[in-house]
Amino acid sequence: ELFGIWVHQGQQADARAGHYLAYLKDWRKDRWVRFSDSHVSVVSWEEVKTAALGAAPDASPEAAPTAMPGKASADPSSSSSAYVLVYMEAELAKAQRGSVSAEPAKDDSTDAADGADREGSVADKAPSTSTELIPEQLLKEIVEDNKLLLRERGSWQEMAAQRDLQHHAQAVFQHYAGLVHKWEPNKRLGDTAGNPHDAKSRTTLNDPALVCFELFLYRVGGENEVWHYLLKTSLEAQREVRAWAPEDEGRVLYFLAATLKSQECYAKMLREKTEEWPTLGESNRKKEAFELLEMDVDLLTTRYSRVLLTAHLLDEALQLLKTDGGIALPRTIGLLVMMWASWDLSMEYKFRQNEALLLMSSLMYNAVGFLEQRASAGGSVTNFQEMFEYFYLVMQCVEWPRTWKEPVMKRIQNIFPSAPAVWTAQVQSVVQGKADQSFTTADQKQMLLSHPMTKADGRTIADFENCPKPSREFFERHRGLFSWVMQNDKILAQDFITLAAG
């Protein structure tokens, strides 16, 4: 008896394309059931016949139990045809009909059509009637095959989940690659900052960190720090967009690390860790995962804000000289001393300290030289006493090499012999109230901050907090002012001596 029909729909004589479906006989209710992928439905014999042979509806359903009707006329225009017919021995078919009719009546929720796509359609323990009809070895193979199917389905689900994680990792990498591409031109600017210890290049120092935060990271931590920050930025951006589960991030970073290494990119900001990941149908097992190394962006951002603030303060100090000429030299040096004494620039941002010390040393050194010339010519130096005694204090406190500052301090002392006594008095006023009589670096800075010459401009640190945002314009202004003062330091010092003499 005919039991099943395998049907191909599509271009005839081409099994490589089209759609495949099956029709099976439901013995319980003497009807045909159509299986098309995950869709299952009860159909009439006429539909089965038409789908299988493209036949005209002239064959009766009674012909079905024995064979496909040979007299049915095929429709040559039909794109549907049977390619496999499944027959069952008549005695077995009769036995199955008898066993079905002997079973208790069931409602529609248990019929083959409604339950054909339920999981575990062949259970681990088959009904007794099925056990009698199906050979024991075959039944065992069916049960084992169904178990294997469940395990494979778990593997498929896991593979699908893994593909999703790989797609997340690829999205992070693409975002990161875009940021790195934008970074490359800035890197070239960061390599041209100049050397404060080179006599030729010290007059043209520039601070690329004023262009962007990445160039600040480049100066304080190198390019690896920049890559770390850019990857962190990309990860945070894609995490928000793609919304993967927090517990999946370790695996996303694992695939990201693999992609970075395959592209020969720096990946040491990612480190391996071990996590327990459950899998369907199996006990927990260890899977590879990575994590991003910590980066204190808040602390770095705070430091960067101070970099911008000190650059702005320095610019405003130098702008005084460009606007008012040499007569503004005391105010400029006072602001530079205020900046040096307010922070530990050697730790905060060494580059800014180098700029400040170069400017102060150049202006004070040249001013001492021109004042010596005036004194040698018999000119009055009385108007300069307070200013140069202040220079003497600054040189005592600031960390210039002693081989440079001690000769200059000696020259000031030759003009104003009272300078050492002023220093001693200032120190005593600080230490007399201290039990250990110590005079620390912090004491020195506080002494300079409270000095009238440091306050000569009248502005405080708070007046410079509204500084420009990082930009190319900020960078160019800063570079231009620094270069101009360093190239005109002698002229400015001479103007100061000439104009301040009265």
Foldseek 3Di string as FASTA:
>chain_A
DWFKWKKFFDAPPDPPDGAIWMWGAFLLVRFIWIGGPLAIDTDHPQVVLCQAFVFDPPDDPVVPLPDNDPPTDGDPPGRMHTDDIDHDPPVLSVLVSVVSVPDDDDDPCPGCRNCVNPQPPPPLDHDPSVPVSDDPVVSNVVNVVSVVVQVVVLVVVVVVVLVVLLVLLVQLVVQLVVVVVVCVVLVVVLVPQFDLVDPVGVLQGFQSCLQDLLSVCCQPPNVVSSSLVSSVVSNVVSCVVVVDDPVCQQSSLVSNLVVCVVVVHDDVQKDKDWDWDDTPPDGIDIDIGIDGHDDPVVVSVVLSLVVQLLLLLLLVLLVCCVVVNLQSVLQSLLSLLQSVLVDVCVPSPVVSVSLSVLLNCLLLQLLLVLVVVCVVVVADCVLCLVVLLLVLLSLVQDPDPCVPSVVSNVSSCVVPVCSVVVNVVLLCVQQVPPPVSDQDSNNSSVSSNPDVSSCVVVDHSVVRSPGDHRRVVSRVSSSVSSSVCSVCSNVSSNVNVVVSSD
